[in-house]
Amino acid sequence: MAALQIKQHMNDSHLHKHHMGWYSRGYLPHFDQPGLCQSINFRLYDSVPIEVIVKWREELEHQYTKLPNKNIDAEIEASLRHRIVEYEDAGHGKCWLRDSRIAVLVENALLHFDGQRYRLLAWCIMPNHVHTLIETMPKYSLSQILHTWKSFTALQANRLLVRTGIFWAREYYDRFIRNDRHFTDVLNYIEQNPVKAGLVKNAADWKFSSAYQDRRKGIS
C-alpha cells in the first residue's frame, strides 16, 4: 500500500468545508479531514458505563498530577483508553452484537457506503463494540459517517430486539493513521481482537470481520 500521509490536496479549502478538523463532543477529541485513514471504535451504551470512565479519569488525574510530566493530559488519555479497551474486551454489558442478526445488520451498514462516502479497509464486530479502519472522502465528515452507521443500526437493532432506548454510546474513539507501519499495526489489531479477547483461536474464524475468509481483499 502506498505511504499513508496527509495528502497535499487536503490543503484545498473546498475539501475542508464539510470537515471539522480537531473537535470534541464529550470527553474524547476527534480529528476529521478528508483523505485520512482513520481507525474508529464505537461501542454499545452499556459496555463501559460512564460512571466507570469518570472514576478512572479521576484516579488517573490524581495519579499523574504528582508526576513531573509536561504531557500529563496525553498520559491520562492513553491510560484511560487502555482501561476502556480492556473493559470492552472483557465482554461487559448485554453484548447485543453477539446476536448474529444484529451483527449482520451492523456489518451491512458498514459495507453499504463503502467506495461512496469512505473506503472501508478493515472491520471487526465484537460482542459489545465495533472496530473499523476507513479512508475518509471529501464531503462526508467523520461525524456524519458515524451518525449514519449508529442511527440506522440503533433503530433497526431495537426493532429486532423488541426494545426501546439508547443502543450505542454517544462517544466514539478515532485515531488517524500516521504511516504504513501504523496502518499495518492497526489493521492487525482490529482483525486479531477476537483472538485477543479469547473468542476464537484464529482471526479468520471470526465471522463478522474483514479477516473472515480474507474478505478484505474483496472490498473496494
Foldseek 3Di string as FASTA:
>chain_A
DPKFADDPCQPDVQLPPQEDAWDDDPDDIDGKTAQFKKKKKWWWDFLQDPVNLVVLLVVLVVVQVVDPDPPSVVVSVVVSVVVSLVSNLLPDDPLLCVPVVLLVLLLCLVQVCDVPAWPWQKKDRGSTMIITIIHGHGPQIPVNSVCSSQVVSQVVSCVVVVHDDGTIHPDMDMDTQHTDVSVVVSRCCRLCSCCVSVNDVDSCPRCSICSPVVVSVVTD
